[in-house]
Amino acid sequence: YLQMNSLKPEDTAVYYCAAARSPVCYGYISRYSYDYWGQGTQVT
């Protein structure tokens, strides 16, 4: 889950969950750290 509170207009985006073939969140900011993706959900 991702609980999002105090949302701001700048949080508007398509949100994706993704899985990395690693047990730790190394380089989690970069999209290239992930191997599997969901289809995304729009948050406005």
All heavy atoms as atom14 arrays in JSON, in Angstrom:
{
  "sequence": "YLQMNSLKPEDTAVYYCAAARSPVCYGYISRYSYDYWGQGTQVT",
  "atom14_mask": [
    [1, 1, 1, 1, 1, 1, 1, 1, 1, 1, 1, 1, 0, 0],
    [1, 1, 1, 1, 1, 1, 1, 1, 0, 0, 0, 0, 0, 0],
    [1, 1, 1, 1, 1, 1, 1, 1, 1, 0, 0, 0, 0, 0],
    [1, 1, 1, 1, 1, 1, 1, 1, 0, 0, 0, 0, 0, 0],
    [1, 1, 1, 1, 1, 1, 1, 1, 0, 0, 0, 0, 0, 0],
    [1, 1, 1, 1, 1, 1, 0, 0, 0, 0, 0, 0, 0, 0],
    [1, 1, 1, 1, 1, 1, 1, 1, 0, 0, 0, 0, 0, 0],
    [1, 1, 1, 1, 1, 1, 1, 1, 1, 0, 0, 0, 0, 0],
    [1, 1, 1, 1, 1, 1, 1, 0, 0, 0, 0, 0, 0, 0],
    [1, 1, 1, 1, 1, 1, 1, 1, 1, 0, 0, 0, 0, 0],
    [1, 1, 1, 1, 1, 1, 1, 1, 0, 0, 0, 0, 0, 0],
    [1, 1, 1, 1, 1, 1, 1, 0, 0, 0, 0, 0, 0, 0],
    [1, 1, 1, 1, 1, 0, 0, 0, 0, 0, 0, 0, 0, 0],
    [1, 1, 1, 1, 1, 1, 1, 0, 0, 0, 0, 0, 0, 0],
    [1, 1, 1, 1, 1, 1, 1, 1, 1, 1, 1, 1, 0, 0],
    [1, 1, 1, 1, 1, 1, 1, 1, 1, 1, 1, 1, 0, 0],
    [1, 1, 1, 1, 1, 1, 0, 0, 0, 0, 0, 0, 0, 0],
    [1, 1, 1, 1, 1, 0, 0, 0, 0, 0, 0, 0, 0, 0],
    [1, 1, 1, 1, 1, 0, 0, 0, 0, 0, 0, 0, 0, 0],
    [1, 1, 1, 1, 1, 0, 0, 0, 0, 0, 0, 0, 0, 0],
    [1, 1, 1, 1, 1, 1, 1, 1, 1, 1, 1, 0, 0, 0],
    [1, 1, 1, 1, 1, 1, 0, 0, 0, 0, 0, 0, 0, 0],
    [1, 1, 1, 1, 1, 1, 1, 0, 0, 0, 0, 0, 0, 0],
    [1, 1, 1, 1, 1, 1, 1, 0, 0, 0, 0, 0, 0, 0],
    [1, 1, 1, 1, 1, 1, 0, 0, 0, 0, 0, 0, 0, 0],
    [1, 1, 1, 1, 1, 1, 1, 1, 1, 1, 1, 1, 0, 0],
    [1, 1, 1, 1, 0, 0, 0, 0, 0, 0, 0, 0, 0, 0],
    [1, 1, 1, 1, 1, 1, 1, 1, 1, 1, 1, 1, 0, 0],
    [1, 1, 1, 1, 1, 1, 1, 1, 0, 0, 0, 0, 0, 0],
    [1, 1, 1, 1, 1, 1, 0, 0, 0, 0, 0, 0, 0, 0],
    [1, 1, 1, 1, 1, 1, 1, 1, 1, 1, 1, 0, 0, 0],
    [1, 1, 1, 1, 1, 1, 1, 1, 1, 1, 1, 1, 0, 0],
    [1, 1, 1, 1, 1, 1, 0, 0, 0, 0, 0, 0, 0, 0],
    [1, 1, 1, 1, 1, 1, 1, 1, 1, 1, 1, 1, 0, 0],
    [1, 1, 1, 1, 1, 1, 1, 1, 0, 0, 0, 0, 0, 0],
    [1, 1, 1, 1, 1, 1, 1, 1, 1, 1, 1, 1, 0, 0],
    [1, 1, 1, 1, 1, 1, 1, 1, 1, 1, 1, 1, 1, 1],
    [1, 1, 1, 1, 0, 0, 0, 0, 0, 0, 0, 0, 0, 0],
    [1, 1, 1, 1, 1, 1, 1, 1, 1, 0, 0, 0, 0, 0],
    [1, 1, 1, 1, 0, 0, 0, 0, 0, 0, 0, 0, 0, 0],
    [1, 1, 1, 1, 1, 1, 1, 0, 0, 0, 0, 0, 0, 0],
    [1, 1, 1, 1, 1, 1, 1, 1, 1, 0, 0, 0, 0, 0],
    [1, 1, 1, 1, 1, 1, 1, 0, 0, 0, 0, 0, 0, 0],
    [1, 1, 1, 1, 1, 1, 1, 0, 0, 0, 0, 0, 0, 0]
  ],
  "atom14_positions": [
    [[0.83, -1.2, 0.0], [0.0, 0.0, 0.0], [0.87, 1.26, 0.0], [1.99, 1.25, 0.5], [-0.9, 0.01, 1.23], [-1.8, -1.2, 1.34], [-1.47, -2.26, 2.16], [-2.99, -1.27, 0.62], [-2.27, -3.38, 2.26], [-3.82, -2.38, 0.72], [-3.44, -3.43, 1.54], [-4.26, -4.53, 1.63], [0.0, 0.0, 0.0], [0.0, 0.0, 0.0]],
    [[0.29, 2.33, -0.51], [0.88, 3.65, -0.37], [-0.2, 4.58, 0.15], [-1.12, 4.94, -0.61], [1.45, 4.17, -1.69], [2.23, 5.48, -1.57], [3.53, 5.27, -0.79], [2.53, 6.07, -2.96], [0.0, 0.0, 0.0], [0.0, 0.0, 0.0], [0.0, 0.0, 0.0], [0.0, 0.0, 0.0], [0.0, 0.0, 0.0], [0.0, 0.0, 0.0]],
    [[-0.12, 4.92, 1.41], [-1.05, 5.87, 2.01], [-0.52, 7.27, 1.75], [0.61, 7.58, 2.14], [-1.18, 5.63, 3.52], [-2.09, 6.61, 4.22], [-3.55, 6.47, 3.82], [-4.07, 5.39, 3.7], [-4.2, 7.62, 3.58], [0.0, 0.0, 0.0], [0.0, 0.0, 0.0], [0.0, 0.0, 0.0], [0.0, 0.0, 0.0], [0.0, 0.0, 0.0]],
    [[-1.33, 8.09, 1.1], [-0.91, 9.44, 0.73], [-1.8, 10.45, 1.44], [-3.02, 10.48, 1.2], [-1.0, 9.62, -0.78], [-0.23, 8.55, -1.57], [-0.18, 8.88, -3.33], [-1.91, 8.71, -3.75], [0.0, 0.0, 0.0], [0.0, 0.0, 0.0], [0.0, 0.0, 0.0], [0.0, 0.0, 0.0], [0.0, 0.0, 0.0], [0.0, 0.0, 0.0]],
    [[-1.21, 11.24, 2.31], [-1.93, 12.27, 3.05], [-1.44, 13.65, 2.66], [-0.37, 13.79, 2.07], [-1.74, 12.05, 4.55], [-2.29, 10.72, 5.03], [-3.26, 10.19, 4.48], [-1.67, 10.16, 6.05], [0.0, 0.0, 0.0], [0.0, 0.0, 0.0], [0.0, 0.0, 0.0], [0.0, 0.0, 0.0], [0.0, 0.0, 0.0], [0.0, 0.0, 0.0]],
    [[-2.21, 14.66, 3.03], [-1.83, 16.06, 2.75], [-1.41, 16.23, 1.3], [-0.37, 16.84, 1.0], [-0.7, 16.49, 3.69], [-1.08, 16.34, 5.04], [0.0, 0.0, 0.0], [0.0, 0.0, 0.0], [0.0, 0.0, 0.0], [0.0, 0.0, 0.0], [0.0, 0.0, 0.0], [0.0, 0.0, 0.0], [0.0, 0.0, 0.0], [0.0, 0.0, 0.0]],
    [[-2.21, 15.74, 0.41], [-1.86, 15.75, -1.0], [-1.82, 17.17, -1.55], [-2.6, 18.05, -1.15], [-2.84, 14.9, -1.8], [-2.58, 13.39, -1.67], [-3.8, 12.58, -2.1], [-1.37, 12.99, -2.5], [0.0, 0.0, 0.0], [0.0, 0.0, 0.0], [0.0, 0.0, 0.0], [0.0, 0.0, 0.0], [0.0, 0.0, 0.0], [0.0, 0.0, 0.0]],
    [[-0.89, 17.36, -2.47], [-0.69, 18.67, -3.11], [-0.9, 18.53, -4.61], [-0.74, 17.43, -5.16], [0.75, 19.12, -2.85], [1.16, 19.18, -1.4], [2.63, 19.53, -1.25], [3.07, 19.54, 0.2], [4.51, 19.87, 0.34], [0.0, 0.0, 0.0], [0.0, 0.0, 0.0], [0.0, 0.0, 0.0], [0.0, 0.0, 0.0], [0.0, 0.0, 0.0]],
    [[-1.2, 19.62, -5.29], [-1.35, 19.55, -6.75], [-0.13, 18.96, -7.44], [-0.26, 18.26, -8.46], [-1.58, 21.0, -7.14], [-2.23, 21.61, -5.94], [-1.58, 20.95, -4.77], [0.0, 0.0, 0.0], [0.0, 0.0, 0.0], [0.0, 0.0, 0.0], [0.0, 0.0, 0.0], [0.0, 0.0, 0.0], [0.0, 0.0, 0.0], [0.0, 0.0, 0.0]],
    [[1.04, 19.2, -6.9], [2.27, 18.67, -7.52], [2.43, 17.16, -7.35], [3.35, 16.56, -7.91], [3.52, 19.39, -7.0], [3.62, 19.46, -5.49], [3.1, 20.79, -4.94], [2.02, 21.26, -5.4], [3.76, 21.34, -4.03], [0.0, 0.0, 0.0], [0.0, 0.0, 0.0], [0.0, 0.0, 0.0], [0.0, 0.0, 0.0], [0.0, 0.0, 0.0]],
    [[1.54, 16.53, -6.58], [1.54, 15.07, -6.48], [0.78, 14.43, -7.64], [0.77, 13.21, -7.77], [0.91, 14.63, -5.16], [1.72, 15.04, -3.94], [2.96, 14.91, -3.98], [1.11, 15.49, -2.95], [0.0, 0.0, 0.0], [0.0, 0.0, 0.0], [0.0, 0.0, 0.0], [0.0, 0.0, 0.0], [0.0, 0.0, 0.0], [0.0, 0.0, 0.0]],
    [[0.14, 15.25, -8.44], [-0.6, 14.73, -9.59], [0.34, 13.99, -10.54], [1.35, 14.54, -10.99], [-1.31, 15.87, -10.34], [-2.3, 16.45, -9.48], [-1.98, 15.37, -11.61], [0.0, 0.0, 0.0], [0.0, 0.0, 0.0], [0.0, 0.0, 0.0], [0.0, 0.0, 0.0], [0.0, 0.0, 0.0], [0.0, 0.0, 0.0], [0.0, 0.0, 0.0]],
    [[-0.02, 12.74, -10.85], [0.84, 11.9, -11.69], [0.17, 10.55, -11.88], [-0.82, 10.23, -11.2], [2.21, 11.7, -11.06], [0.0, 0.0, 0.0], [0.0, 0.0, 0.0], [0.0, 0.0, 0.0], [0.0, 0.0, 0.0], [0.0, 0.0, 0.0], [0.0, 0.0, 0.0], [0.0, 0.0, 0.0], [0.0, 0.0, 0.0], [0.0, 0.0, 0.0]],
    [[0.73, 9.76, -12.78], [0.4, 8.34, -12.84], [1.35, 7.63, -11.88], [2.57, 7.83, -11.95], [0.55, 7.77, -14.26], [0.24, 6.27, -14.26], [-0.38, 8.5, -15.22], [0.0, 0.0, 0.0], [0.0, 0.0, 0.0], [0.0, 0.0, 0.0], [0.0, 0.0, 0.0], [0.0, 0.0, 0.0], [0.0, 0.0, 0.0], [0.0, 0.0, 0.0]],
    [[0.77, 6.85, -10.99], [1.56, 6.13, -9.99], [1.67, 4.67, -10.39], [0.67, 4.02, -10.74], [0.9, 6.26, -8.63], [1.15, 7.61, -7.99], [0.52, 8.75, -8.48], [2.02, 7.75, -6.91], [0.77, 9.99, -7.92], [2.27, 8.98, -6.34], [1.64, 10.09, -6.85], [1.89, 11.34, -6.3], [0.0, 0.0, 0.0], [0.0, 0.0, 0.0]],
    [[2.89, 4.16, -10.31], [3.18, 2.78, -10.67], [3.78, 2.04, -9.46], [4.59, 2.62, -8.74], [4.2, 2.71, -11.8], [3.78, 3.38, -13.08], [4.02, 4.73, -13.29], [3.17, 2.64, -14.1], [3.64, 5.35, -14.48], [2.79, 3.24, -15.28], [3.03, 4.6, -15.47], [2.65, 5.19, -16.64], [0.0, 0.0, 0.0], [0.0, 0.0, 0.0]],
    [[3.42, 0.8, -9.29], [4.2, -0.03, -8.39], [5.09, -0.92, -9.24], [4.77, -1.23, -10.4], [3.34, -0.84, -7.42], [2.46, -2.22, -8.13], [0.0, 0.0, 0.0], [0.0, 0.0, 0.0], [0.0, 0.0, 0.0], [0.0, 0.0, 0.0], [0.0, 0.0, 0.0], [0.0, 0.0, 0.0], [0.0, 0.0, 0.0], [0.0, 0.0, 0.0]],
    [[6.23, -1.26, -8.68], [7.22, -2.01, -9.42], [8.01, -2.9, -8.47], [8.14, -2.59, -7.29], [8.17, -1.07, -10.15], [0.0, 0.0, 0.0], [0.0, 0.0, 0.0], [0.0, 0.0, 0.0], [0.0, 0.0, 0.0], [0.0, 0.0, 0.0], [0.0, 0.0, 0.0], [0.0, 0.0, 0.0], [0.0, 0.0, 0.0], [0.0, 0.0, 0.0]],
    [[8.5, -4.01, -9.0], [9.29, -4.96, -8.22], [10.71, -5.02, -8.76], [10.92, -5.07, -9.98], [8.66, -6.34, -8.27], [0.0, 0.0, 0.0], [0.0, 0.0, 0.0], [0.0, 0.0, 0.0], [0.0, 0.0, 0.0], [0.0, 0.0, 0.0], [0.0, 0.0, 0.0], [0.0, 0.0, 0.0], [0.0, 0.0, 0.0], [0.0, 0.0, 0.0]],
    [[11.65, -5.03, -7.84], [13.06, -5.14, -8.2], [13.56, -6.52, -7.8], [13.23, -7.01, -6.72], [13.87, -4.07, -7.48], [0.0, 0.0, 0.0], [0.0, 0.0, 0.0], [0.0, 0.0, 0.0], [0.0, 0.0, 0.0], [0.0, 0.0, 0.0], [0.0, 0.0, 0.0], [0.0, 0.0, 0.0], [0.0, 0.0, 0.0], [0.0, 0.0, 0.0]],
    [[14.39, -7.13, -8.64], [14.97, -8.45, -8.33], [16.1, -8.27, -7.34], [17.25, -8.62, -7.59], [15.47, -9.12, -9.61], [14.4, -9.91, -10.32], [15.04, -10.81, -11.38], [14.47, -10.53, -12.68], [15.11, -9.89, -13.67], [16.33, -9.48, -13.51], [14.51, -9.7, -14.82], [0.0, 0.0, 0.0], [0.0, 0.0, 0.0], [0.0, 0.0, 0.0]],
    [[15.74, -7.72, -6.2], [16.68, -7.46, -5.12], [15.88, -7.35, -3.83], [14.79, -6.79, -3.84], [17.44, -6.15, -5.35], [18.11, -5.75, -4.18], [0.0, 0.0, 0.0], [0.0, 0.0, 0.0], [0.0, 0.0, 0.0], [0.0, 0.0, 0.0], [0.0, 0.0, 0.0], [0.0, 0.0, 0.0], [0.0, 0.0, 0.0], [0.0, 0.0, 0.0]],
    [[16.4, -7.88, -2.72], [15.64, -7.77, -1.47], [15.72, -6.39, -0.82], [14.97, -6.11, 0.12], [16.29, -8.84, -0.59], [17.68, -8.94, -1.11], [17.6, -8.71, -2.58], [0.0, 0.0, 0.0], [0.0, 0.0, 0.0], [0.0, 0.0, 0.0], [0.0, 0.0, 0.0], [0.0, 0.0, 0.0], [0.0, 0.0, 0.0], [0.0, 0.0, 0.0]],
    [[16.62, -5.55, -1.3], [16.79, -4.23, -0.69], [16.48, -3.14, -1.71], [16.52, -3.36, -2.92], [18.22, -4.05, -0.14], [18.47, -5.04, 0.98], [19.26, -4.19, -1.24], [0.0, 0.0, 0.0], [0.0, 0.0, 0.0], [0.0, 0.0, 0.0], [0.0, 0.0, 0.0], [0.0, 0.0, 0.0], [0.0, 0.0, 0.0], [0.0, 0.0, 0.0]],
    [[16.19, -1.96, -1.18], [15.75, -0.84, -2.03], [16.94, -0.03, -2.53], [16.95, 1.2, -2.44], [14.79, 0.05, -1.26], [13.22, -0.73, -0.88], [0.0, 0.0, 0.0], [0.0, 0.0, 0.0], [0.0, 0.0, 0.0], [0.0, 0.0, 0.0], [0.0, 0.0, 0.0], [0.0, 0.0, 0.0], [0.0, 0.0, 0.0], [0.0, 0.0, 0.0]],
    [[17.89, -0.7, -3.11], [19.04, 0.01, -3.63], [18.65, 0.79, -4.87], [18.09, 0.25, -5.79], [20.16, -0.98, -3.96], [21.39, -0.33, -4.5], [22.27, 0.36, -3.64], [21.7, -0.37, -5.85], [23.4, 0.97, -4.13], [22.82, 0.25, -6.35], [23.67, 0.92, -5.49], [24.79, 1.52, -5.97], [0.0, 0.0, 0.0], [0.0, 0.0, 0.0]],
    [[18.95, 2.08, -4.88], [18.64, 2.9, -6.05], [17.16, 3.02, -6.34], [16.76, 3.07, -7.51], [0.0, 0.0, 0.0], [0.0, 0.0, 0.0], [0.0, 0.0, 0.0], [0.0, 0.0, 0.0], [0.0, 0.0, 0.0], [0.0, 0.0, 0.0], [0.0, 0.0, 0.0], [0.0, 0.0, 0.0], [0.0, 0.0, 0.0], [0.0, 0.0, 0.0]],
    [[16.35, 3.08, -5.31], [14.9, 3.0, -5.49], [14.32, 4.2, -6.23], [13.2, 4.13, -6.73], [14.19, 2.84, -4.16], [14.17, 4.09, -3.31], [13.06, 4.94, -3.32], [15.24, 4.42, -2.49], [13.05, 6.08, -2.54], [15.22, 5.56, -1.72], [14.13, 6.39, -1.75], [14.11, 7.51, -0.98], [0.0, 0.0, 0.0], [0.0, 0.0, 0.0]],
    [[15.06, 5.32, -6.28], [14.54, 6.49, -6.97], [14.51, 6.27, -8.49], [13.64, 6.77, -9.2], [15.41, 7.71, -6.66], [15.3, 8.06, -5.17], [15.02, 8.9, -7.51], [13.95, 8.58, -4.74], [0.0, 0.0, 0.0], [0.0, 0.0, 0.0], [0.0, 0.0, 0.0], [0.0, 0.0, 0.0], [0.0, 0.0, 0.0], [0.0, 0.0, 0.0]],
    [[15.46, 5.49, -8.98], [15.61, 5.32, -10.43], [14.67, 4.26, -10.97], [14.58, 3.15, -10.43], [17.04, 4.92, -10.76], [17.14, 4.55, -12.13], [0.0, 0.0, 0.0], [0.0, 0.0, 0.0], [0.0, 0.0, 0.0], [0.0, 0.0, 0.0], [0.0, 0.0, 0.0], [0.0, 0.0, 0.0], [0.0, 0.0, 0.0], [0.0, 0.0, 0.0]],
    [[14.02, 4.54, -12.07], [13.13, 3.57, -12.7], [13.9, 2.36, -13.19], [13.34, 1.28, -13.34], [12.4, 4.22, -13.88], [13.32, 4.69, -14.99], [12.55, 5.29, -16.15], [11.68, 4.3, -16.77], [10.84, 4.58, -17.77], [10.73, 5.8, -18.22], [10.08, 3.65, -18.29], [0.0, 0.0, 0.0], [0.0, 0.0, 0.0], [0.0, 0.0, 0.0]],
    [[15.18, 2.52, -13.44], [15.99, 1.42, -13.98], [16.36, 0.39, -12.93], [16.97, -0.64, -13.26], [17.23, 1.99, -14.65], [16.88, 2.94, -15.77], [17.03, 4.32, -15.62], [16.33, 2.47, -16.96], [16.68, 5.2, -16.64], [15.97, 3.33, -17.97], [16.15, 4.69, -17.81], [15.78, 5.55, -18.81], [0.0, 0.0, 0.0], [0.0, 0.0, 0.0]],
    [[15.99, 0.64, -11.68], [16.24, -0.33, -10.61], [15.2, -1.43, -10.56], [15.35, -2.38, -9.79], [16.3, 0.39, -9.26], [17.36, 1.33, -9.23], [0.0, 0.0, 0.0], [0.0, 0.0, 0.0], [0.0, 0.0, 0.0], [0.0, 0.0, 0.0], [0.0, 0.0, 0.0], [0.0, 0.0, 0.0], [0.0, 0.0, 0.0], [0.0, 0.0, 0.0]],
    [[14.14, -1.3, -11.35], [12.99, -2.21, -11.25], [12.86, -3.08, -12.49], [13.22, -2.69, -13.6], [11.71, -1.4, -11.03], [11.78, -0.6, -9.75], [12.24, 0.72, -9.75], [11.4, -1.18, -8.54], [12.31, 1.44, -8.58], [11.47, -0.45, -7.36], [11.92, 0.86, -7.39], [12.01, 1.57, -6.22], [0.0, 0.0, 0.0], [0.0, 0.0, 0.0]],
    [[12.32, -4.27, -12.27], [12.25, -5.27, -13.33], [10.83, -5.61, -13.77], [10.63, -6.11, -14.88], [12.94, -6.55, -12.86], [14.38, -6.3, -12.45], [15.2, -6.06, -13.35], [14.67, -6.3, -11.23], [0.0, 0.0, 0.0], [0.0, 0.0, 0.0], [0.0, 0.0, 0.0], [0.0, 0.0, 0.0], [0.0, 0.0, 0.0], [0.0, 0.0, 0.0]],
    [[9.87, -5.37, -12.9], [8.48, -5.69, -13.22], [7.62, -4.49, -12.84], [7.85, -3.85, -11.81], [8.02, -6.93, -12.43], [8.89, -8.14, -12.68], [9.94, -8.45, -11.82], [8.65, -8.98, -13.77], [10.75, -9.54, -12.05], [9.45, -10.09, -14.0], [10.5, -10.35, -13.14], [11.29, -11.45, -13.37], [0.0, 0.0, 0.0], [0.0, 0.0, 0.0]],
    [[6.58, -4.27, -13.65], [5.77, -3.07, -13.5], [4.29, -3.39, -13.52], [3.83, -4.29, -14.24], [6.07, -2.1, -14.64], [7.45, -1.56, -14.6], [8.58, -2.11, -15.12], [7.86, -0.34, -13.97], [9.68, -1.32, -14.87], [9.26, -0.22, -14.17], [7.2, 0.66, -13.28], [9.99, 0.86, -13.68], [7.92, 1.74, -12.8], [9.3, 1.82, -13.0]],
    [[3.54, -2.57, -12.77], [2.1, -2.58, -12.91], [1.7, -1.63, -14.03], [2.55, -0.99, -14.67], [0.0, 0.0, 0.0], [0.0, 0.0, 0.0], [0.0, 0.0, 0.0], [0.0, 0.0, 0.0], [0.0, 0.0, 0.0], [0.0, 0.0, 0.0], [0.0, 0.0, 0.0], [0.0, 0.0, 0.0], [0.0, 0.0, 0.0], [0.0, 0.0, 0.0]],
    [[0.39, -1.53, -14.26], [-0.1, -0.74, -15.38], [-0.25, 0.75, -15.04], [-0.4, 1.57, -15.95], [-1.47, -1.29, -15.85], [-2.66, -0.83, -15.04], [-2.77, -1.51, -13.68], [-1.99, -2.38, -13.31], [-3.78, -1.09, -12.9], [0.0, 0.0, 0.0], [0.0, 0.0, 0.0], [0.0, 0.0, 0.0], [0.0, 0.0, 0.0], [0.0, 0.0, 0.0]],
    [[-0.2, 1.09, -13.77], [-0.3, 2.48, -13.35], [-1.72, 2.88, -12.98], [-2.69, 2.31, -13.48], [0.0, 0.0, 0.0], [0.0, 0.0, 0.0], [0.0, 0.0, 0.0], [0.0, 0.0, 0.0], [0.0, 0.0, 0.0], [0.0, 0.0, 0.0], [0.0, 0.0, 0.0], [0.0, 0.0, 0.0], [0.0, 0.0, 0.0], [0.0, 0.0, 0.0]],
    [[-1.82, 3.86, -12.09], [-3.11, 4.41, -11.7], [-2.97, 5.93, -11.58], [-1.99, 6.44, -11.04], [-3.61, 3.77, -10.38], [-4.93, 4.23, -10.09], [-2.7, 4.08, -9.21], [0.0, 0.0, 0.0], [0.0, 0.0, 0.0], [0.0, 0.0, 0.0], [0.0, 0.0, 0.0], [0.0, 0.0, 0.0], [0.0, 0.0, 0.0], [0.0, 0.0, 0.0]],
    [[-3.96, 6.64, -12.11], [-3.89, 8.11, -12.15], [-4.3, 8.69, -10.81], [-5.35, 8.33, -10.25], [-4.8, 8.65, -13.25], [-4.88, 10.16, -13.31], [-3.61, 10.79, -13.82], [-3.03, 10.34, -14.82], [-3.15, 11.85, -13.17], [0.0, 0.0, 0.0], [0.0, 0.0, 0.0], [0.0, 0.0, 0.0], [0.0, 0.0, 0.0], [0.0, 0.0, 0.0]],
    [[-3.5, 9.62, -10.32], [-3.83, 10.41, -9.14], [-3.85, 11.88, -9.56], [-2.87, 12.39, -10.1], [-2.81, 10.2, -8.01], [-3.05, 11.18, -6.86], [-2.88, 8.76, -7.5], [0.0, 0.0, 0.0], [0.0, 0.0, 0.0], [0.0, 0.0, 0.0], [0.0, 0.0, 0.0], [0.0, 0.0, 0.0], [0.0, 0.0, 0.0], [0.0, 0.0, 0.0]],
    [[-4.98, 12.54, -9.34], [-5.13, 13.95, -9.68], [-5.52, 14.72, -8.43], [-6.53, 14.38, -7.78], [-6.18, 14.15, -10.77], [-5.82, 13.38, -11.93], [-6.29, 15.62, -11.15], [0.0, 0.0, 0.0], [0.0, 0.0, 0.0], [0.0, 0.0, 0.0], [0.0, 0.0, 0.0], [0.0, 0.0, 0.0], [0.0, 0.0, 0.0], [0.0, 0.0, 0.0]]
  ]
}
